[in-house]
Amino acid sequence: MRILIIEDDKILAKTVEQCIKEKYEVDHAYDGEEGMLYAKQDIYDAIILDIMMPIMNGYEVLSSLRNNKIYTPVLILTAKDGISDKVQGFRAGADDYLVKPFNREELIIRLEALIRRASGNYTENVIKFKDLSLDLNSRKVSANGKEIVLQGKQFDMLEYLINSKNTIITKEQIFDKIWGFNSETTANVIEVYASGLRKELKKIGYDKYLKTIRGVGYIWS
């Protein structure tokens, strides 16, 4: 899973990353405009958003995303603790609001809850599609009493595709979400991983749901 942190204080942004990096991949944006450009890629499972930032403040970023039909769950993390600030944040489209200084465990729990609610696909950290189950804690994949072993990014790719089922996902979206914008590899690696993933899925009869859209990307359907 990938989280976007939009926070102009680089020290604080790094602190937030340290809190969540055991469970999530993290990207950073250090002003509102940069954050909005990242968020509009629509590849994130959640966004942690500051309010007081240069170029565009958090309220403006959030309103722009919602107006562009980007519904990634957003946790506002800010020093502004007034009721009017919270009301403005929720009205702009925030899903949760946490005031600085924050407790590490509370941040993690709120983030997990946001992602569960947004996906509507999680039960005790398990994703299901028909008889196929992905256990996000153990990273095990099983169906019809059989289990397959997926390499790290194969599992991440399958999770992303199932959570986006019936939607065409471009190679660029897959690359940005799973490998990240700063990866030194190229998007060609996706075809290799998709081929390996399809071979493993064939063992349990689920390869037919992973379809290639030639020249574009993939769809789980």
C-alpha atoms as a PDB file:
ATOM      1  CA  MET A   1       0.000   0.000   0.000  1.00  0.00           C
ATOM      2  CA  ARG A   2       1.208   3.511  -0.780  1.00  0.00           C
ATOM      3  CA  ILE A   3       0.636   6.681   1.252  1.00  0.00           C
ATOM      4  CA  LEU A   4       1.218  10.281   0.142  1.00  0.00           C
ATOM      5  CA  ILE A   5       2.402  12.727   2.816  1.00  0.00           C
ATOM      6  CA  ILE A   6       1.829  16.377   1.873  1.00  0.00           C
ATOM      7  CA  GLU A   7       3.733  18.391   4.486  1.00  0.00           C
ATOM      8  CA  ASP A   8       6.049  21.367   3.998  1.00  0.00           C
ATOM      9  CA  ASP A   9       8.035  20.717   7.191  1.00  0.00           C
ATOM     10  CA  LYS A  10      10.571  18.143   5.947  1.00  0.00           C
ATOM     11  CA  ILE A  11      11.590  17.063   9.453  1.00  0.00           C
ATOM     12  CA  LEU A  12       7.989  16.438  10.446  1.00  0.00           C
ATOM     13  CA  ALA A  13       7.294  14.681   7.134  1.00  0.00           C
ATOM     14  CA  LYS A  14      10.189  12.336   7.850  1.00  0.00           C
ATOM     15  CA  THR A  15       8.857  11.724  11.368  1.00  0.00           C
ATOM     16  CA  VAL A  16       5.458  10.749   9.970  1.00  0.00           C
ATOM     17  CA  GLU A  17       7.149   8.422   7.487  1.00  0.00           C
ATOM     18  CA  GLN A  18       9.079   6.743  10.301  1.00  0.00           C
ATOM     19  CA  CYS A  19       5.781   6.083  12.073  1.00  0.00           C
ATOM     20  CA  ILE A  20       4.159   4.272   9.159  1.00  0.00           C
ATOM     21  CA  LYS A  21       6.958   2.913   6.953  1.00  0.00           C
ATOM     22  CA  GLU A  22       6.778  -0.607   8.384  1.00  0.00           C
ATOM     23  CA  LYS A  23       3.353  -1.068   6.774  1.00  0.00           C
ATOM     24  CA  TYR A  24       3.284   1.373   3.873  1.00  0.00           C
ATOM     25  CA  GLU A  25       5.307   2.698   0.982  1.00  0.00           C
ATOM     26  CA  VAL A  26       5.567   6.487   1.257  1.00  0.00           C
ATOM     27  CA  ASP A  27       5.869   9.417  -1.159  1.00  0.00           C
ATOM     28  CA  HIS A  28       6.419  13.034  -0.091  1.00  0.00           C
ATOM     29  CA  ALA A  29       5.280  16.385  -1.421  1.00  0.00           C
ATOM     30  CA  TYR A  30       6.491  19.573   0.251  1.00  0.00           C
ATOM     31  CA  ASP A  31       3.975  22.148  -0.950  1.00  0.00           C
ATOM     32  CA  GLY A  32       0.310  22.102  -1.836  1.00  0.00           C
ATOM     33  CA  GLU A  33       0.735  22.349  -5.596  1.00  0.00           C
ATOM     34  CA  GLU A  34       3.211  19.460  -5.741  1.00  0.00           C
ATOM     35  CA  GLY A  35       0.968  17.440  -3.457  1.00  0.00           C
ATOM     36  CA  MET A  36      -2.038  18.003  -5.674  1.00  0.00           C
ATOM     37  CA  LEU A  37      -0.105  16.855  -8.764  1.00  0.00           C
ATOM     38  CA  TYR A  38       0.964  13.664  -6.986  1.00  0.00           C
ATOM     39  CA  ALA A  39      -2.502  12.995  -5.592  1.00  0.00           C
ATOM     40  CA  LYS A  40      -4.163  13.402  -8.983  1.00  0.00           C
ATOM     41  CA  GLN A  41      -2.288  10.314 -10.182  1.00  0.00           C
ATOM     42  CA  ASP A  42      -4.934   8.468  -8.115  1.00  0.00           C
ATOM     43  CA  ILE A  43      -2.519   5.711  -7.033  1.00  0.00           C
ATOM     44  CA  TYR A  44      -2.583   6.215  -3.265  1.00  0.00           C
ATOM     45  CA  ASP A  45      -4.437   4.262  -0.603  1.00  0.00           C
ATOM     46  CA  ALA A  46      -4.560   7.351   1.628  1.00  0.00           C
ATOM     47  CA  ILE A  47      -3.187  10.887   1.902  1.00  0.00           C
ATOM     48  CA  ILE A  48      -1.863  12.605   5.022  1.00  0.00           C
ATOM     49  CA  LEU A  49      -2.371  16.329   4.447  1.00  0.00           C
ATOM     50  CA  ASP A  50      -1.154  19.438   6.277  1.00  0.00           C
ATOM     51  CA  ILE A  51      -3.216  22.630   6.084  1.00  0.00           C
ATOM     52  CA  MET A  52      -0.701  25.477   6.350  1.00  0.00           C
ATOM     53  CA  MET A  53       1.528  25.105   3.283  1.00  0.00           C
ATOM     54  CA  PRO A  54       3.018  27.328   0.559  1.00  0.00           C
ATOM     55  CA  ILE A  55       1.514  27.867  -2.907  1.00  0.00           C
ATOM     56  CA  MET A  56      -1.729  26.020  -2.049  1.00  0.00           C
ATOM     57  CA  ASN A  57      -3.018  25.343   1.445  1.00  0.00           C
ATOM     58  CA  GLY A  58      -4.492  22.014   2.469  1.00  0.00           C
ATOM     59  CA  TYR A  59      -8.086  23.157   2.121  1.00  0.00           C
ATOM     60  CA  GLU A  60      -7.429  24.213  -1.487  1.00  0.00           C
ATOM     61  CA  VAL A  61      -5.676  20.937  -2.290  1.00  0.00           C
ATOM     62  CA  LEU A  62      -8.528  18.923  -0.832  1.00  0.00           C
ATOM     63  CA  SER A  63     -11.249  20.892  -2.605  1.00  0.00           C
ATOM     64  CA  SER A  64      -9.408  20.575  -5.915  1.00  0.00           C
ATOM     65  CA  LEU A  65      -9.065  16.805  -5.529  1.00  0.00           C
ATOM     66  CA  ARG A  66     -12.734  16.288  -4.690  1.00  0.00           C
ATOM     67  CA  ASN A  67     -13.797  18.557  -7.552  1.00  0.00           C
ATOM     68  CA  ASN A  68     -11.696  16.375  -9.859  1.00  0.00           C
ATOM     69  CA  LYS A  69     -13.418  13.245  -8.501  1.00  0.00           C
ATOM     70  CA  ILE A  70     -10.318  11.991  -6.675  1.00  0.00           C
ATOM     71  CA  TYR A  71     -11.799  10.297  -3.619  1.00  0.00           C
ATOM     72  CA  THR A  72      -8.641   8.935  -1.996  1.00  0.00           C
ATOM     73  CA  PRO A  73      -9.212   9.010   1.777  1.00  0.00           C
ATOM     74  CA  VAL A  74      -7.548  12.045   3.364  1.00  0.00           C
ATOM     75  CA  LEU A  75      -6.359  12.436   6.942  1.00  0.00           C
ATOM     76  CA  ILE A  76      -5.679  16.062   7.787  1.00  0.00           C
ATOM     77  CA  LEU A  77      -2.711  16.344  10.156  1.00  0.00           C
ATOM     78  CA  THR A  78      -2.313  19.901  11.379  1.00  0.00           C
ATOM     79  CA  ALA A  79      -1.590  22.200  14.305  1.00  0.00           C
ATOM     80  CA  LYS A  80      -4.882  24.048  13.688  1.00  0.00           C
ATOM     81  CA  ASP A  81      -7.127  22.731  16.443  1.00  0.00           C
ATOM     82  CA  GLY A  82     -10.116  25.069  16.355  1.00  0.00           C
ATOM     83  CA  ILE A  83     -13.621  23.761  15.777  1.00  0.00           C
ATOM     84  CA  SER A  84     -13.991  26.078  12.783  1.00  0.00           C
ATOM     85  CA  ASP A  85     -10.798  24.612  11.284  1.00  0.00           C
ATOM     86  CA  LYS A  86     -12.111  21.079  11.676  1.00  0.00           C
ATOM     87  CA  VAL A  87     -15.486  21.997  10.200  1.00  0.00           C
ATOM     88  CA  GLN A  88     -13.783  23.615   7.207  1.00  0.00           C
ATOM     89  CA  GLY A  89     -11.589  20.546   6.730  1.00  0.00           C
ATOM     90  CA  PHE A  90     -14.477  18.091   6.757  1.00  0.00           C
ATOM     91  CA  ARG A  91     -16.570  20.293   4.498  1.00  0.00           C
ATOM     92  CA  ALA A  92     -13.694  20.444   2.019  1.00  0.00           C
ATOM     93  CA  GLY A  93     -13.782  16.645   1.860  1.00  0.00           C
ATOM     94  CA  ALA A  94     -11.490  15.326   4.619  1.00  0.00           C
ATOM     95  CA  ASP A  95     -12.210  11.844   6.000  1.00  0.00           C
ATOM     96  CA  ASP A  96     -10.466  12.360   9.342  1.00  0.00           C
ATOM     97  CA  TYR A  97      -8.681  15.105  11.282  1.00  0.00           C
ATOM     98  CA  LEU A  98      -5.765  14.727  13.692  1.00  0.00           C
ATOM     99  CA  VAL A  99      -4.117  17.581  15.585  1.00  0.00           C
ATOM    100  CA  LYS A 100      -0.353  17.978  16.069  1.00  0.00           C
ATOM    101  CA  PRO A 101       1.449  16.945  18.194  1.00  0.00           C
ATOM    102  CA  PHE A 102       0.103  13.473  17.557  1.00  0.00           C
ATOM    103  CA  ASN A 103       0.460  10.035  19.102  1.00  0.00           C
ATOM    104  CA  ARG A 104       2.126   7.505  16.807  1.00  0.00           C
ATOM    105  CA  GLU A 105      -0.309   4.681  17.595  1.00  0.00           C
ATOM    106  CA  GLU A 106      -3.317   6.919  17.076  1.00  0.00           C
ATOM    107  CA  LEU A 107      -1.991   7.994  13.664  1.00  0.00           C
ATOM    108  CA  ILE A 108      -1.534   4.379  12.587  1.00  0.00           C
ATOM    109  CA  ILE A 109      -4.948   3.274  13.845  1.00  0.00           C
ATOM    110  CA  ARG A 110      -6.742   6.189  12.170  1.00  0.00           C
ATOM    111  CA  LEU A 111      -4.918   5.533   8.900  1.00  0.00           C
ATOM    112  CA  GLU A 112      -5.817   1.836   8.966  1.00  0.00           C
ATOM    113  CA  ALA A 113      -9.461   2.663   9.676  1.00  0.00           C
ATOM    114  CA  LEU A 114      -9.603   5.114   6.760  1.00  0.00           C
ATOM    115  CA  ILE A 115      -8.256   2.562   4.326  1.00  0.00           C
ATOM    116  CA  ARG A 116     -10.634  -0.165   5.548  1.00  0.00           C
ATOM    117  CA  ARG A 117     -13.668   2.083   5.205  1.00  0.00           C
ATOM    118  CA  ALA A 118     -12.646   3.356   1.780  1.00  0.00           C
ATOM    119  CA  SER A 119     -12.038  -0.052   0.246  1.00  0.00           C
ATOM    120  CA  GLY A 120     -15.094  -1.779   1.671  1.00  0.00           C
ATOM    121  CA  ASN A 121     -13.145  -4.936   0.895  1.00  0.00           C
ATOM    122  CA  TYR A 122     -11.305  -5.614   4.125  1.00  0.00           C
ATOM    123  CA  THR A 123     -12.334  -8.045   6.839  1.00  0.00           C
ATOM    124  CA  GLU A 124      -9.627  -8.634   9.425  1.00  0.00           C
ATOM    125  CA  ASN A 125      -7.109  -7.448   6.806  1.00  0.00           C
ATOM    126  CA  VAL A 126      -8.235  -9.971   4.200  1.00  0.00           C
ATOM    127  CA  ILE A 127      -9.204  -9.135   0.616  1.00  0.00           C
ATOM    128  CA  LYS A 128     -11.590 -11.524  -1.111  1.00  0.00           C
ATOM    129  CA  PHE A 129     -12.590 -12.102  -4.717  1.00  0.00           C
ATOM    130  CA  LYS A 130     -14.911 -15.059  -5.200  1.00  0.00           C
ATOM    131  CA  ASP A 131     -13.006 -17.884  -3.413  1.00  0.00           C
ATOM    132  CA  LEU A 132      -9.663 -16.101  -3.679  1.00  0.00           C
ATOM    133  CA  SER A 133      -8.284 -14.647  -0.431  1.00  0.00           C
ATOM    134  CA  LEU A 134      -5.335 -12.306   0.143  1.00  0.00           C
ATOM    135  CA  ASP A 135      -4.216 -12.094   3.759  1.00  0.00           C
ATOM    136  CA  LEU A 136      -2.546  -8.702   4.103  1.00  0.00           C
ATOM    137  CA  ASN A 137      -0.840  -9.632   7.370  1.00  0.00           C
ATOM    138  CA  SER A 138       0.752 -12.939   6.333  1.00  0.00           C
ATOM    139  CA  ARG A 139       0.741 -12.014   2.601  1.00  0.00           C
ATOM    140  CA  LYS A 140      -0.634 -15.463   1.777  1.00  0.00           C
ATOM    141  CA  VAL A 141      -2.847 -16.097  -1.244  1.00  0.00           C
ATOM    142  CA  SER A 142      -5.246 -19.032  -1.376  1.00  0.00           C
ATOM    143  CA  ALA A 143      -8.291 -20.353  -3.204  1.00  0.00           C
ATOM    144  CA  ASN A 144     -10.250 -23.598  -3.102  1.00  0.00           C
ATOM    145  CA  GLY A 145      -8.002 -24.992  -0.390  1.00  0.00           C
ATOM    146  CA  LYS A 146      -4.804 -24.343  -2.351  1.00  0.00           C
ATOM    147  CA  GLU A 147      -2.140 -21.777  -1.532  1.00  0.00           C
ATOM    148  CA  ILE A 148       0.329 -20.006  -3.809  1.00  0.00           C
ATOM    149  CA  VAL A 149       3.438 -18.063  -2.897  1.00  0.00           C
ATOM    150  CA  LEU A 150       3.828 -14.638  -4.513  1.00  0.00           C
ATOM    151  CA  GLN A 151       6.991 -12.571  -4.515  1.00  0.00           C
ATOM    152  CA  GLY A 152       6.696  -9.168  -2.818  1.00  0.00           C
ATOM    153  CA  LYS A 153       5.655  -6.967  -5.714  1.00  0.00           C
ATOM    154  CA  GLN A 154       3.571  -9.741  -7.307  1.00  0.00           C
ATOM    155  CA  PHE A 155       1.428  -9.694  -4.177  1.00  0.00           C
ATOM    156  CA  ASP A 156       1.258  -5.887  -4.277  1.00  0.00           C
ATOM    157  CA  MET A 157       0.227  -5.955  -7.935  1.00  0.00           C
ATOM    158  CA  LEU A 158      -2.522  -8.496  -7.289  1.00  0.00           C
ATOM    159  CA  GLU A 159      -3.799  -6.482  -4.337  1.00  0.00           C
ATOM    160  CA  TYR A 160      -3.913  -3.318  -6.451  1.00  0.00           C
ATOM    161  CA  LEU A 161      -5.708  -5.012  -9.344  1.00  0.00           C
ATOM    162  CA  ILE A 162      -8.343  -6.681  -7.165  1.00  0.00           C
ATOM    163  CA  ASN A 163      -9.023  -3.458  -5.287  1.00  0.00           C
ATOM    164  CA  SER A 164      -9.499  -1.790  -8.695  1.00  0.00           C
ATOM    165  CA  LYS A 165     -11.459  -4.638 -10.274  1.00  0.00           C
ATOM    166  CA  ASN A 166     -13.344  -3.929 -13.500  1.00  0.00           C
ATOM    167  CA  THR A 167     -11.146  -0.856 -14.049  1.00  0.00           C
ATOM    168  CA  ILE A 168      -8.319  -0.637 -16.582  1.00  0.00           C
ATOM    169  CA  ILE A 169      -5.078   0.157 -14.770  1.00  0.00           C
ATOM    170  CA  THR A 170      -2.290   1.539 -16.940  1.00  0.00           C
ATOM    171  CA  LYS A 171       1.279   0.332 -16.681  1.00  0.00           C
ATOM    172  CA  GLU A 172       2.249   3.825 -15.526  1.00  0.00           C
ATOM    173  CA  GLN A 173      -0.252   3.695 -12.657  1.00  0.00           C
ATOM    174  CA  ILE A 174       0.995   0.274 -11.570  1.00  0.00           C
ATOM    175  CA  PHE A 175       4.614   1.391 -11.767  1.00  0.00           C
ATOM    176  CA  ASP A 176       4.043   4.620  -9.829  1.00  0.00           C
ATOM    177  CA  LYS A 177       2.024   2.901  -7.116  1.00  0.00           C
ATOM    178  CA  ILE A 178       4.160  -0.191  -6.561  1.00  0.00           C
ATOM    179  CA  TRP A 179       7.678   0.864  -7.563  1.00  0.00           C
ATOM    180  CA  GLY A 180       7.300   4.591  -6.866  1.00  0.00           C
ATOM    181  CA  PHE A 181       8.165   7.753  -8.782  1.00  0.00           C
ATOM    182  CA  ASN A 182      11.816   7.611  -7.713  1.00  0.00           C
ATOM    183  CA  SER A 183      12.468   4.008  -8.703  1.00  0.00           C
ATOM    184  CA  GLU A 184      15.628   3.433 -10.759  1.00  0.00           C
ATOM    185  CA  THR A 185      14.036   0.617 -12.762  1.00  0.00           C
ATOM    186  CA  THR A 186      11.684   1.074 -15.735  1.00  0.00           C
ATOM    187  CA  ALA A 187       8.040   0.291 -16.393  1.00  0.00           C
ATOM    188  CA  ASN A 188       9.106  -2.686 -18.538  1.00  0.00           C
ATOM    189  CA  VAL A 189       9.500  -4.659 -15.323  1.00  0.00           C
ATOM    190  CA  ILE A 190       5.703  -4.745 -15.010  1.00  0.00           C
ATOM    191  CA  GLU A 191       5.323  -7.214 -17.873  1.00  0.00           C
ATOM    192  CA  VAL A 192       7.784  -9.576 -16.192  1.00  0.00           C
ATOM    193  CA  TYR A 193       5.900  -9.431 -12.895  1.00  0.00           C
ATOM    194  CA  ALA A 194       2.519  -9.765 -14.580  1.00  0.00           C
ATOM    195  CA  SER A 195       3.713 -12.876 -16.421  1.00  0.00           C
ATOM    196  CA  GLY A 196       4.979 -14.415 -13.196  1.00  0.00           C
ATOM    197  CA  LEU A 197       1.784 -13.503 -11.388  1.00  0.00           C
ATOM    198  CA  ARG A 198      -0.344 -15.089 -14.107  1.00  0.00           C
ATOM    199  CA  LYS A 199       1.636 -18.345 -13.879  1.00  0.00           C
ATOM    200  CA  GLU A 200       1.086 -18.549 -10.130  1.00  0.00           C
ATOM    201  CA  LEU A 201      -2.609 -17.726 -10.425  1.00  0.00           C
ATOM    202  CA  LYS A 202      -3.016 -20.514 -12.986  1.00  0.00           C
ATOM    203  CA  LYS A 203      -2.175 -23.025 -10.251  1.00  0.00           C
ATOM    204  CA  ILE A 204      -5.412 -22.120  -8.464  1.00  0.00           C
ATOM    205  CA  GLY A 205      -7.528 -21.381 -11.539  1.00  0.00           C
ATOM    206  CA  TYR A 206      -7.581 -17.599 -11.279  1.00  0.00           C
ATOM    207  CA  ASP A 207      -5.302 -16.549 -14.133  1.00  0.00           C
ATOM    208  CA  LYS A 208      -8.336 -15.936 -16.372  1.00  0.00           C
ATOM    209  CA  TYR A 209      -9.312 -12.872 -14.329  1.00  0.00           C
ATOM    210  CA  LEU A 210      -6.018 -11.082 -15.026  1.00  0.00           C
ATOM    211  CA  LYS A 211      -6.461  -9.630 -18.505  1.00  0.00           C
ATOM    212  CA  THR A 212      -3.979  -7.673 -20.584  1.00  0.00           C
ATOM    213  CA  ILE A 213      -5.186  -4.557 -22.382  1.00  0.00           C
ATOM    214  CA  ARG A 214      -2.644  -4.419 -25.165  1.00  0.00           C
ATOM    215  CA  GLY A 215      -0.642  -1.215 -25.258  1.00  0.00           C
ATOM    216  CA  VAL A 216      -2.375   0.133 -22.154  1.00  0.00           C
ATOM    217  CA  GLY A 217      -2.155  -2.027 -19.066  1.00  0.00           C
ATOM    218  CA  TYR A 218      -4.226  -4.613 -17.184  1.00  0.00           C
ATOM    219  CA  ILE A 219      -7.657  -5.232 -15.753  1.00  0.00           C
ATOM    220  CA  TRP A 220      -8.935  -7.652 -13.120  1.00  0.00           C
ATOM    221  CA  SER A 221     -12.364  -8.651 -14.353  1.00  0.00           C
END
